[in-house]
Amino acid sequence: MIRKAFVMQLHAGQAEEYRRRHDPIWPELEQTLREHGVLRYSIFLHPQTLQLFASAEVESEDRWQAIARTPVCQRWWAHMRELMDTNADNSPSSVELEEVFHLGEGG
């Protein structure tokens, strides 16, 4: 299992809409995430900075990267683009974080 973490930036005034669109996420997106080996995925909001912190546990880096090429992921990015900082392809602009400490079973 691989643990991943990254941060993204929400636009001002979009926190409630961001929550609404994730409650729940599209069933076909959830299915795609699971089919691509995503075991756990959480997103947290820092209310003062509107920074989003995402944490995921995945089975494979290649399978994780392949999610971006799925039609449902492309549609989701287009659906979310006005709420947050994005790249030219509508993917969320994000910074991957380096794990410096972990306490848990198995390391």
PDB file of N, CA and C in Angstrom:
ATOM      1  N   MET A   1       0.830  -1.173   0.000  1.00  0.00           N
ATOM      2  CA  MET A   1       0.000   0.000   0.000  1.00  0.00           C
ATOM      3  C   MET A   1       0.886   1.251   0.000  1.00  0.00           C
ATOM      4  N   ILE A   2       0.477   2.239  -0.743  1.00  0.00           N
ATOM      5  CA  ILE A   2       1.201   3.507  -0.877  1.00  0.00           C
ATOM      6  C   ILE A   2       0.329   4.609  -0.265  1.00  0.00           C
ATOM      7  N   ARG A   3       0.919   5.416   0.614  1.00  0.00           N
ATOM      8  CA  ARG A   3       0.209   6.570   1.167  1.00  0.00           C
ATOM      9  C   ARG A   3       0.612   7.803   0.378  1.00  0.00           C
ATOM     10  N   LYS A   4      -0.379   8.588  -0.016  1.00  0.00           N
ATOM     11  CA  LYS A   4      -0.141   9.811  -0.776  1.00  0.00           C
ATOM     12  C   LYS A   4      -0.814  10.966  -0.049  1.00  0.00           C
ATOM     13  N   ALA A   5      -0.237  12.147  -0.164  1.00  0.00           N
ATOM     14  CA  ALA A   5      -0.854  13.353   0.382  1.00  0.00           C
ATOM     15  C   ALA A   5      -0.520  14.518  -0.538  1.00  0.00           C
ATOM     16  N   PHE A   6      -1.469  15.417  -0.683  1.00  0.00           N
ATOM     17  CA  PHE A   6      -1.244  16.595  -1.511  1.00  0.00           C
ATOM     18  C   PHE A   6      -2.192  17.696  -1.080  1.00  0.00           C
ATOM     19  N   VAL A   7      -1.864  18.931  -1.468  1.00  0.00           N
ATOM     20  CA  VAL A   7      -2.695  20.080  -1.145  1.00  0.00           C
ATOM     21  C   VAL A   7      -3.190  20.729  -2.434  1.00  0.00           C
ATOM     22  N   MET A   8      -4.391  21.284  -2.326  1.00  0.00           N
ATOM     23  CA  MET A   8      -5.029  22.001  -3.426  1.00  0.00           C
ATOM     24  C   MET A   8      -5.603  23.288  -2.847  1.00  0.00           C
ATOM     25  N   GLN A   9      -6.019  24.207  -3.705  1.00  0.00           N
ATOM     26  CA  GLN A   9      -6.517  25.497  -3.231  1.00  0.00           C
ATOM     27  C   GLN A   9      -7.941  25.740  -3.711  1.00  0.00           C
ATOM     28  N   LEU A  10      -8.823  25.950  -2.756  1.00  0.00           N
ATOM     29  CA  LEU A  10     -10.216  26.278  -3.038  1.00  0.00           C
ATOM     30  C   LEU A  10     -10.355  27.781  -3.217  1.00  0.00           C
ATOM     31  N   HIS A  11     -11.265  28.217  -4.064  1.00  0.00           N
ATOM     32  CA  HIS A  11     -11.528  29.642  -4.240  1.00  0.00           C
ATOM     33  C   HIS A  11     -12.414  30.160  -3.111  1.00  0.00           C
ATOM     34  N   ALA A  12     -12.270  31.432  -2.815  1.00  0.00           N
ATOM     35  CA  ALA A  12     -13.074  32.075  -1.770  1.00  0.00           C
ATOM     36  C   ALA A  12     -14.560  31.900  -2.064  1.00  0.00           C
ATOM     37  N   GLY A  13     -15.322  31.611  -1.026  1.00  0.00           N
ATOM     38  CA  GLY A  13     -16.767  31.491  -1.149  1.00  0.00           C
ATOM     39  C   GLY A  13     -17.244  30.163  -1.712  1.00  0.00           C
ATOM     40  N   GLN A  14     -16.348  29.204  -1.920  1.00  0.00           N
ATOM     41  CA  GLN A  14     -16.735  27.943  -2.567  1.00  0.00           C
ATOM     42  C   GLN A  14     -16.744  26.734  -1.630  1.00  0.00           C
ATOM     43  N   ALA A  15     -16.490  26.930  -0.346  1.00  0.00           N
ATOM     44  CA  ALA A  15     -16.390  25.792   0.570  1.00  0.00           C
ATOM     45  C   ALA A  15     -17.684  24.983   0.640  1.00  0.00           C
ATOM     46  N   GLU A  16     -18.797  25.644   0.782  1.00  0.00           N
ATOM     47  CA  GLU A  16     -20.071  24.903   0.899  1.00  0.00           C
ATOM     48  C   GLU A  16     -20.411  24.175  -0.399  1.00  0.00           C
ATOM     49  N   GLU A  17     -20.159  24.806  -1.525  1.00  0.00           N
ATOM     50  CA  GLU A  17     -20.431  24.140  -2.799  1.00  0.00           C
ATOM     51  C   GLU A  17     -19.493  22.944  -3.000  1.00  0.00           C
ATOM     52  N   TYR A  18     -18.244  23.092  -2.590  1.00  0.00           N
ATOM     53  CA  TYR A  18     -17.291  21.985  -2.680  1.00  0.00           C
ATOM     54  C   TYR A  18     -17.781  20.805  -1.841  1.00  0.00           C
ATOM     55  N   ARG A  19     -18.233  21.094  -0.626  1.00  0.00           N
ATOM     56  CA  ARG A  19     -18.796  20.035   0.236  1.00  0.00           C
ATOM     57  C   ARG A  19     -20.010  19.384  -0.426  1.00  0.00           C
ATOM     58  N   ARG A  20     -20.909  20.220  -0.942  1.00  0.00           N
ATOM     59  CA  ARG A  20     -22.145  19.712  -1.543  1.00  0.00           C
ATOM     60  C   ARG A  20     -21.838  18.754  -2.690  1.00  0.00           C
ATOM     61  N   ARG A  21     -20.867  19.094  -3.520  1.00  0.00           N
ATOM     62  CA  ARG A  21     -20.547  18.251  -4.678  1.00  0.00           C
ATOM     63  C   ARG A  21     -19.862  16.938  -4.293  1.00  0.00           C
ATOM     64  N   HIS A  22     -19.380  16.868  -3.075  1.00  0.00           N
ATOM     65  CA  HIS A  22     -18.755  15.626  -2.595  1.00  0.00           C
ATOM     66  C   HIS A  22     -19.699  14.793  -1.724  1.00  0.00           C
ATOM     67  N   ASP A  23     -20.909  15.231  -1.532  1.00  0.00           N
ATOM     68  CA  ASP A  23     -21.822  14.571  -0.605  1.00  0.00           C
ATOM     69  C   ASP A  23     -23.096  14.100  -1.294  1.00  0.00           C
ATOM     70  N   PRO A  24     -23.038  12.956  -1.938  1.00  0.00           N
ATOM     71  CA  PRO A  24     -21.863  12.106  -2.160  1.00  0.00           C
ATOM     72  C   PRO A  24     -21.217  12.421  -3.515  1.00  0.00           C
ATOM     73  N   ILE A  25     -20.020  11.879  -3.722  1.00  0.00           N
ATOM     74  CA  ILE A  25     -19.424  11.989  -5.058  1.00  0.00           C
ATOM     75  C   ILE A  25     -20.227  11.098  -5.997  1.00  0.00           C
ATOM     76  N   TRP A  26     -20.050  11.306  -7.270  1.00  0.00           N
ATOM     77  CA  TRP A  26     -20.760  10.490  -8.252  1.00  0.00           C
ATOM     78  C   TRP A  26     -20.442   9.006  -8.032  1.00  0.00           C
ATOM     79  N   PRO A  27     -21.447   8.144  -8.070  1.00  0.00           N
ATOM     80  CA  PRO A  27     -21.196   6.709  -7.898  1.00  0.00           C
ATOM     81  C   PRO A  27     -20.191   6.148  -8.905  1.00  0.00           C
ATOM     82  N   GLU A  28     -20.237   6.630 -10.141  1.00  0.00           N
ATOM     83  CA  GLU A  28     -19.305   6.119 -11.145  1.00  0.00           C
ATOM     84  C   GLU A  28     -17.867   6.566 -10.873  1.00  0.00           C
ATOM     85  N   LEU A  29     -17.694   7.719 -10.218  1.00  0.00           N
ATOM     86  CA  LEU A  29     -16.357   8.151  -9.831  1.00  0.00           C
ATOM     87  C   LEU A  29     -15.850   7.299  -8.666  1.00  0.00           C
ATOM     88  N   GLU A  30     -16.709   7.044  -7.695  1.00  0.00           N
ATOM     89  CA  GLU A  30     -16.320   6.171  -6.591  1.00  0.00           C
ATOM     90  C   GLU A  30     -15.930   4.788  -7.109  1.00  0.00           C
ATOM     91  N   GLN A  31     -16.709   4.258  -8.033  1.00  0.00           N
ATOM     92  CA  GLN A  31     -16.405   2.949  -8.607  1.00  0.00           C
ATOM     93  C   GLN A  31     -15.052   2.965  -9.321  1.00  0.00           C
ATOM     94  N   THR A  32     -14.782   4.016 -10.078  1.00  0.00           N
ATOM     95  CA  THR A  32     -13.508   4.139 -10.788  1.00  0.00           C
ATOM     96  C   THR A  32     -12.335   4.194  -9.803  1.00  0.00           C
ATOM     97  N   LEU A  33     -12.491   4.970  -8.738  1.00  0.00           N
ATOM     98  CA  LEU A  33     -11.430   5.048  -7.732  1.00  0.00           C
ATOM     99  C   LEU A  33     -11.159   3.663  -7.145  1.00  0.00           C
ATOM    100  N   ARG A  34     -12.205   2.958  -6.771  1.00  0.00           N
ATOM    101  CA  ARG A  34     -12.042   1.624  -6.183  1.00  0.00           C
ATOM    102  C   ARG A  34     -11.428   0.639  -7.188  1.00  0.00           C
ATOM    103  N   GLU A  35     -11.897   0.697  -8.436  1.00  0.00           N
ATOM    104  CA  GLU A  35     -11.363  -0.197  -9.473  1.00  0.00           C
ATOM    105  C   GLU A  35      -9.886   0.063  -9.757  1.00  0.00           C
ATOM    106  N   HIS A  36      -9.430   1.263  -9.457  1.00  0.00           N
ATOM    107  CA  HIS A  36      -8.031   1.621  -9.678  1.00  0.00           C
ATOM    108  C   HIS A  36      -7.188   1.498  -8.402  1.00  0.00           C
ATOM    109  N   GLY A  37      -7.716   0.784  -7.422  1.00  0.00           N
ATOM    110  CA  GLY A  37      -6.923   0.461  -6.244  1.00  0.00           C
ATOM    111  C   GLY A  37      -6.845   1.519  -5.174  1.00  0.00           C
ATOM    112  N   VAL A  38      -7.800   2.441  -5.142  1.00  0.00           N
ATOM    113  CA  VAL A  38      -7.831   3.423  -4.061  1.00  0.00           C
ATOM    114  C   VAL A  38      -8.545   2.784  -2.868  1.00  0.00           C
ATOM    115  N   LEU A  39      -7.806   2.611  -1.789  1.00  0.00           N
ATOM    116  CA  LEU A  39      -8.339   1.953  -0.600  1.00  0.00           C
ATOM    117  C   LEU A  39      -9.017   2.946   0.338  1.00  0.00           C
ATOM    118  N   ARG A  40      -8.408   4.113   0.483  1.00  0.00           N
ATOM    119  CA  ARG A  40      -8.939   5.184   1.328  1.00  0.00           C
ATOM    120  C   ARG A  40      -8.595   6.517   0.661  1.00  0.00           C
ATOM    121  N   TYR A  41      -9.503   7.488   0.841  1.00  0.00           N
ATOM    122  CA  TYR A  41      -9.261   8.814   0.257  1.00  0.00           C
ATOM    123  C   TYR A  41     -10.031   9.816   1.109  1.00  0.00           C
ATOM    124  N   SER A  42      -9.328  10.771   1.668  1.00  0.00           N
ATOM    125  CA  SER A  42      -9.952  11.815   2.474  1.00  0.00           C
ATOM    126  C   SER A  42      -9.463  13.170   2.007  1.00  0.00           C
ATOM    127  N   ILE A  43     -10.340  14.174   2.124  1.00  0.00           N
ATOM    128  CA  ILE A  43      -9.973  15.551   1.829  1.00  0.00           C
ATOM    129  C   ILE A  43     -10.423  16.393   3.020  1.00  0.00           C
ATOM    130  N   PHE A  44      -9.510  17.223   3.523  1.00  0.00           N
ATOM    131  CA  PHE A  44      -9.774  18.088   4.663  1.00  0.00           C
ATOM    132  C   PHE A  44      -9.648  19.544   4.221  1.00  0.00           C
ATOM    133  N   LEU A  45     -10.455  20.402   4.822  1.00  0.00           N
ATOM    134  CA  LEU A  45     -10.442  21.834   4.503  1.00  0.00           C
ATOM    135  C   LEU A  45      -9.859  22.628   5.659  1.00  0.00           C
ATOM    136  N   HIS A  46      -8.883  23.485   5.362  1.00  0.00           N
ATOM    137  CA  HIS A  46      -8.376  24.466   6.336  1.00  0.00           C
ATOM    138  C   HIS A  46      -9.269  25.694   6.173  1.00  0.00           C
ATOM    139  N   PRO A  47     -10.129  26.003   7.141  1.00  0.00           N
ATOM    140  CA  PRO A  47     -11.139  27.043   6.937  1.00  0.00           C
ATOM    141  C   PRO A  47     -10.607  28.459   6.758  1.00  0.00           C
ATOM    142  N   GLN A  48      -9.444  28.772   7.318  1.00  0.00           N
ATOM    143  CA  GLN A  48      -8.907  30.129   7.166  1.00  0.00           C
ATOM    144  C   GLN A  48      -8.210  30.334   5.825  1.00  0.00           C
ATOM    145  N   THR A  49      -7.451  29.347   5.359  1.00  0.00           N
ATOM    146  CA  THR A  49      -6.686  29.510   4.124  1.00  0.00           C
ATOM    147  C   THR A  49      -7.401  28.944   2.906  1.00  0.00           C
ATOM    148  N   LEU A  50      -8.449  28.152   3.132  1.00  0.00           N
ATOM    149  CA  LEU A  50      -9.183  27.433   2.076  1.00  0.00           C
ATOM    150  C   LEU A  50      -8.296  26.427   1.359  1.00  0.00           C
ATOM    151  N   GLN A  51      -7.235  26.019   2.008  1.00  0.00           N
ATOM    152  CA  GLN A  51      -6.382  24.967   1.450  1.00  0.00           C
ATOM    153  C   GLN A  51      -7.041  23.617   1.723  1.00  0.00           C
ATOM    154  N   LEU A  52      -7.015  22.767   0.708  1.00  0.00           N
ATOM    155  CA  LEU A  52      -7.534  21.411   0.822  1.00  0.00           C
ATOM    156  C   LEU A  52      -6.363  20.457   0.982  1.00  0.00           C
ATOM    157  N   PHE A  53      -6.423  19.614   1.999  1.00  0.00           N
ATOM    158  CA  PHE A  53      -5.398  18.609   2.230  1.00  0.00           C
ATOM    159  C   PHE A  53      -6.019  17.255   1.895  1.00  0.00           C
ATOM    160  N   ALA A  54      -5.429  16.549   0.962  1.00  0.00           N
ATOM    161  CA  ALA A  54      -5.945  15.247   0.543  1.00  0.00           C
ATOM    162  C   ALA A  54      -4.967  14.155   0.953  1.00  0.00           C
ATOM    163  N   SER A  55      -5.527  13.046   1.397  1.00  0.00           N
ATOM    164  CA  SER A  55      -4.751  11.899   1.812  1.00  0.00           C
ATOM    165  C   SER A  55      -5.375  10.663   1.182  1.00  0.00           C
ATOM    166  N   ALA A  56      -4.549   9.824   0.574  1.00  0.00           N
ATOM    167  CA  ALA A  56      -5.059   8.618  -0.078  1.00  0.00           C
ATOM    168  C   ALA A  56      -4.138   7.442   0.196  1.00  0.00           C
ATOM    169  N   GLU A  57      -4.731   6.278   0.263  1.00  0.00           N
ATOM    170  CA  GLU A  57      -3.976   5.035   0.319  1.00  0.00           C
ATOM    171  C   GLU A  57      -4.330   4.266  -0.940  1.00  0.00           C
ATOM    172  N   VAL A  58      -3.301   3.928  -1.713  1.00  0.00           N
ATOM    173  CA  VAL A  58      -3.509   3.307  -3.017  1.00  0.00           C
ATOM    174  C   VAL A  58      -2.667   2.048  -3.150  1.00  0.00           C
ATOM    175  N   GLU A  59      -3.108   1.166  -4.017  1.00  0.00           N
ATOM    176  CA  GLU A  59      -2.381  -0.084  -4.232  1.00  0.00           C
ATOM    177  C   GLU A  59      -1.189   0.080  -5.164  1.00  0.00           C
ATOM    178  N   SER A  60      -1.264   1.033  -6.099  1.00  0.00           N
ATOM    179  CA  SER A  60      -0.238   1.153  -7.125  1.00  0.00           C
ATOM    180  C   SER A  60      -0.178   2.584  -7.633  1.00  0.00           C
ATOM    181  N   GLU A  61       1.027   3.107  -7.783  1.00  0.00           N
ATOM    182  CA  GLU A  61       1.200   4.451  -8.342  1.00  0.00           C
ATOM    183  C   GLU A  61       0.716   4.508  -9.794  1.00  0.00           C
ATOM    184  N   ASP A  62       0.986   3.472 -10.580  1.00  0.00           N
ATOM    185  CA  ASP A  62       0.540   3.445 -11.976  1.00  0.00           C
ATOM    186  C   ASP A  62      -0.976   3.480 -12.077  1.00  0.00           C
ATOM    187  N   ARG A  63      -1.655   2.691 -11.244  1.00  0.00           N
ATOM    188  CA  ARG A  63      -3.121   2.670 -11.268  1.00  0.00           C
ATOM    189  C   ARG A  63      -3.685   4.005 -10.789  1.00  0.00           C
ATOM    190  N   TRP A  64      -3.048   4.616  -9.798  1.00  0.00           N
ATOM    191  CA  TRP A  64      -3.466   5.938  -9.323  1.00  0.00           C
ATOM    192  C   TRP A  64      -3.357   6.960 -10.454  1.00  0.00           C
ATOM    193  N   GLN A  65      -2.240   6.970 -11.168  1.00  0.00           N
ATOM    194  CA  GLN A  65      -2.039   7.898 -12.272  1.00  0.00           C
ATOM    195  C   GLN A  65      -3.027   7.655 -13.410  1.00  0.00           C
ATOM    196  N   ALA A  66      -3.430   6.409 -13.614  1.00  0.00           N
ATOM    197  CA  ALA A  66      -4.362   6.061 -14.697  1.00  0.00           C
ATOM    198  C   ALA A  66      -5.755   6.646 -14.480  1.00  0.00           C
ATOM    199  N   ILE A  67      -6.118   6.945 -13.256  1.00  0.00           N
ATOM    200  CA  ILE A  67      -7.442   7.524 -12.977  1.00  0.00           C
ATOM    201  C   ILE A  67      -7.638   8.807 -13.777  1.00  0.00           C
ATOM    202  N   ALA A  68      -6.596   9.606 -13.904  1.00  0.00           N
ATOM    203  CA  ALA A  68      -6.686  10.889 -14.608  1.00  0.00           C
ATOM    204  C   ALA A  68      -7.087  10.731 -16.071  1.00  0.00           C
ATOM    205  N   ARG A  69      -6.862   9.566 -16.639  1.00  0.00           N
ATOM    206  CA  ARG A  69      -7.182   9.346 -18.052  1.00  0.00           C
ATOM    207  C   ARG A  69      -8.587   8.782 -18.267  1.00  0.00           C
ATOM    208  N   THR A  70      -9.329   8.560 -17.192  1.00  0.00           N
ATOM    209  CA  THR A  70     -10.675   8.010 -17.349  1.00  0.00           C
ATOM    210  C   THR A  70     -11.668   9.109 -17.709  1.00  0.00           C
ATOM    211  N   PRO A  71     -12.676   8.781 -18.502  1.00  0.00           N
ATOM    212  CA  PRO A  71     -13.685   9.788 -18.851  1.00  0.00           C
ATOM    213  C   PRO A  71     -14.398  10.381 -17.636  1.00  0.00           C
ATOM    214  N   VAL A  72     -14.691   9.568 -16.635  1.00  0.00           N
ATOM    215  CA  VAL A  72     -15.401  10.090 -15.469  1.00  0.00           C
ATOM    216  C   VAL A  72     -14.536  11.080 -14.691  1.00  0.00           C
ATOM    217  N   CYS A  73     -13.253  10.833 -14.602  1.00  0.00           N
ATOM    218  CA  CYS A  73     -12.369  11.775 -13.928  1.00  0.00           C
ATOM    219  C   CYS A  73     -12.293  13.086 -14.712  1.00  0.00           C
ATOM    220  N   GLN A  74     -12.207  13.002 -16.016  1.00  0.00           N
ATOM    221  CA  GLN A  74     -12.182  14.206 -16.856  1.00  0.00           C
ATOM    222  C   GLN A  74     -13.458  15.032 -16.658  1.00  0.00           C
ATOM    223  N   ARG A  75     -14.614  14.358 -16.586  1.00  0.00           N
ATOM    224  CA  ARG A  75     -15.891  15.059 -16.355  1.00  0.00           C
ATOM    225  C   ARG A  75     -15.916  15.690 -14.964  1.00  0.00           C
ATOM    226  N   TRP A  76     -15.411  14.970 -13.957  1.00  0.00           N
ATOM    227  CA  TRP A  76     -15.375  15.487 -12.582  1.00  0.00           C
ATOM    228  C   TRP A  76     -14.518  16.746 -12.507  1.00  0.00           C
ATOM    229  N   TRP A  77     -13.349  16.705 -13.133  1.00  0.00           N
ATOM    230  CA  TRP A  77     -12.487  17.888 -13.126  1.00  0.00           C
ATOM    231  C   TRP A  77     -13.191  19.087 -13.753  1.00  0.00           C
ATOM    232  N   ALA A  78     -13.868  18.875 -14.871  1.00  0.00           N
ATOM    233  CA  ALA A  78     -14.598  19.976 -15.524  1.00  0.00           C
ATOM    234  C   ALA A  78     -15.713  20.497 -14.613  1.00  0.00           C
ATOM    235  N   HIS A  79     -16.354  19.581 -13.889  1.00  0.00           N
ATOM    236  CA  HIS A  79     -17.439  19.929 -12.964  1.00  0.00           C
ATOM    237  C   HIS A  79     -16.936  20.761 -11.781  1.00  0.00           C
ATOM    238  N   MET A  80     -15.681  20.557 -11.387  1.00  0.00           N
ATOM    239  CA  MET A  80     -15.128  21.201 -10.197  1.00  0.00           C
ATOM    240  C   MET A  80     -14.266  22.421 -10.494  1.00  0.00           C
ATOM    241  N   ARG A  81     -13.932  22.670 -11.744  1.00  0.00           N
ATOM    242  CA  ARG A  81     -12.912  23.670 -12.083  1.00  0.00           C
ATOM    243  C   ARG A  81     -13.203  25.080 -11.597  1.00  0.00           C
ATOM    244  N   GLU A  82     -14.461  25.501 -11.536  1.00  0.00           N
ATOM    245  CA  GLU A  82     -14.719  26.878 -11.101  1.00  0.00           C
ATOM    246  C   GLU A  82     -14.606  27.045  -9.588  1.00  0.00           C
ATOM    247  N   LEU A  83     -14.469  25.948  -8.858  1.00  0.00           N
ATOM    248  CA  LEU A  83     -14.399  26.026  -7.407  1.00  0.00           C
ATOM    249  C   LEU A  83     -12.981  26.131  -6.862  1.00  0.00           C
ATOM    250  N   MET A  84     -11.975  25.827  -7.696  1.00  0.00           N
ATOM    251  CA  MET A  84     -10.614  25.702  -7.175  1.00  0.00           C
ATOM    252  C   MET A  84      -9.575  26.037  -8.232  1.00  0.00           C
ATOM    253  N   ASP A  85      -8.336  26.187  -7.807  1.00  0.00           N
ATOM    254  CA  ASP A  85      -7.237  26.414  -8.744  1.00  0.00           C
ATOM    255  C   ASP A  85      -7.052  25.153  -9.588  1.00  0.00           C
ATOM    256  N   THR A  86      -6.933  25.333 -10.893  1.00  0.00           N
ATOM    257  CA  THR A  86      -6.786  24.195 -11.795  1.00  0.00           C
ATOM    258  C   THR A  86      -5.696  24.456 -12.826  1.00  0.00           C
ATOM    259  N   ASN A  87      -5.284  23.376 -13.470  1.00  0.00           N
ATOM    260  CA  ASN A  87      -4.337  23.436 -14.586  1.00  0.00           C
ATOM    261  C   ASN A  87      -5.115  23.595 -15.893  1.00  0.00           C
ATOM    262  N   ALA A  88      -4.416  23.756 -16.986  1.00  0.00           N
ATOM    263  CA  ALA A  88      -5.042  23.955 -18.292  1.00  0.00           C
ATOM    264  C   ALA A  88      -5.959  22.798 -18.688  1.00  0.00           C
ATOM    265  N   ASP A  89      -5.670  21.582 -18.212  1.00  0.00           N
ATOM    266  CA  ASP A  89      -6.502  20.413 -18.547  1.00  0.00           C
ATOM    267  C   ASP A  89      -7.646  20.203 -17.553  1.00  0.00           C
ATOM    268  N   ASN A  90      -7.916  21.198 -16.707  1.00  0.00           N
ATOM    269  CA  ASN A  90      -8.944  21.175 -15.661  1.00  0.00           C
ATOM    270  C   ASN A  90      -8.558  20.365 -14.439  1.00  0.00           C
ATOM    271  N   SER A  91      -7.421  19.689 -14.440  1.00  0.00           N
ATOM    272  CA  SER A  91      -7.008  18.944 -13.257  1.00  0.00           C
ATOM    273  C   SER A  91      -6.730  19.931 -12.131  1.00  0.00           C
ATOM    274  N   PRO A  92      -6.992  19.526 -10.900  1.00  0.00           N
ATOM    275  CA  PRO A  92      -6.705  20.433  -9.784  1.00  0.00           C
ATOM    276  C   PRO A  92      -5.216  20.744  -9.706  1.00  0.00           C
ATOM    277  N   SER A  93      -4.893  21.991  -9.514  1.00  0.00           N
ATOM    278  CA  SER A  93      -3.513  22.376  -9.271  1.00  0.00           C
ATOM    279  C   SER A  93      -3.178  21.865  -7.871  1.00  0.00           C
ATOM    280  N   SER A  94      -2.137  21.051  -7.771  1.00  0.00           N
ATOM    281  CA  SER A  94      -1.833  20.448  -6.474  1.00  0.00           C
ATOM    282  C   SER A  94      -0.324  20.354  -6.259  1.00  0.00           C
ATOM    283  N   VAL A  95       0.036  20.257  -5.005  1.00  0.00           N
ATOM    284  CA  VAL A  95       1.420  20.060  -4.607  1.00  0.00           C
ATOM    285  C   VAL A  95       1.464  18.771  -3.807  1.00  0.00           C
ATOM    286  N   GLU A  96       2.254  17.819  -4.277  1.00  0.00           N
ATOM    287  CA  GLU A  96       2.399  16.557  -3.563  1.00  0.00           C
ATOM    288  C   GLU A  96       3.260  16.785  -2.327  1.00  0.00           C
ATOM    289  N   LEU A  97       2.874  16.158  -1.230  1.00  0.00           N
ATOM    290  CA  LEU A  97       3.583  16.304   0.030  1.00  0.00           C
ATOM    291  C   LEU A  97       4.438  15.078   0.310  1.00  0.00           C
ATOM    292  N   GLU A  98       5.540  15.312   0.975  1.00  0.00           N
ATOM    293  CA  GLU A  98       6.453  14.239   1.359  1.00  0.00           C
ATOM    294  C   GLU A  98       6.107  13.785   2.774  1.00  0.00           C
ATOM    295  N   GLU A  99       5.927  12.491   2.954  1.00  0.00           N
ATOM    296  CA  GLU A  99       5.653  11.969   4.289  1.00  0.00           C
ATOM    297  C   GLU A  99       6.938  12.002   5.111  1.00  0.00           C
ATOM    298  N   VAL A 100       6.856  12.606   6.302  1.00  0.00           N
ATOM    299  CA  VAL A 100       8.014  12.664   7.187  1.00  0.00           C
ATOM    300  C   VAL A 100       7.795  11.894   8.488  1.00  0.00           C
ATOM    301  N   PHE A 101       6.559  11.477   8.746  1.00  0.00           N
ATOM    302  CA  PHE A 101       6.270  10.693   9.937  1.00  0.00           C
ATOM    303  C   PHE A 101       4.964   9.944   9.725  1.00  0.00           C
ATOM    304  N   HIS A 102       4.926   8.708  10.238  1.00  0.00           N
ATOM    305  CA  HIS A 102       3.694   7.917  10.216  1.00  0.00           C
ATOM    306  C   HIS A 102       3.718   6.977  11.401  1.00  0.00           C
ATOM    307  N   LEU A 103       2.614   6.900  12.112  1.00  0.00           N
ATOM    308  CA  LEU A 103       2.447   5.938  13.190  1.00  0.00           C
ATOM    309  C   LEU A 103       1.224   5.112  12.857  1.00  0.00           C
ATOM    310  N   GLY A 104       1.407   3.833  12.737  1.00  0.00           N
ATOM    311  CA  GLY A 104       0.278   2.971  12.421  1.00  0.00           C
ATOM    312  C   GLY A 104       0.727   1.544  12.336  1.00  0.00           C
ATOM    313  N   GLU A 105      -0.238   0.664  12.197  1.00  0.00           N
ATOM    314  CA  GLU A 105       0.075  -0.760  12.053  1.00  0.00           C
ATOM    315  C   GLU A 105       0.910  -0.978  10.810  1.00  0.00           C
ATOM    316  N   GLY A 106       1.901  -1.797  10.906  1.00  0.00           N
ATOM    317  CA  GLY A 106       2.734  -2.139   9.760  1.00  0.00           C
ATOM    318  C   GLY A 106       3.660  -1.022   9.313  1.00  0.00           C
ATOM    319  N   GLY A 107       3.881  -0.029  10.129  1.00  0.00           N
ATOM    320  CA  GLY A 107       4.849   1.004   9.775  1.00  0.00           C
ATOM    321  C   GLY A 107       4.237   2.312   9.610  1.00  0.00           C
TER     322      GLY A 107
END
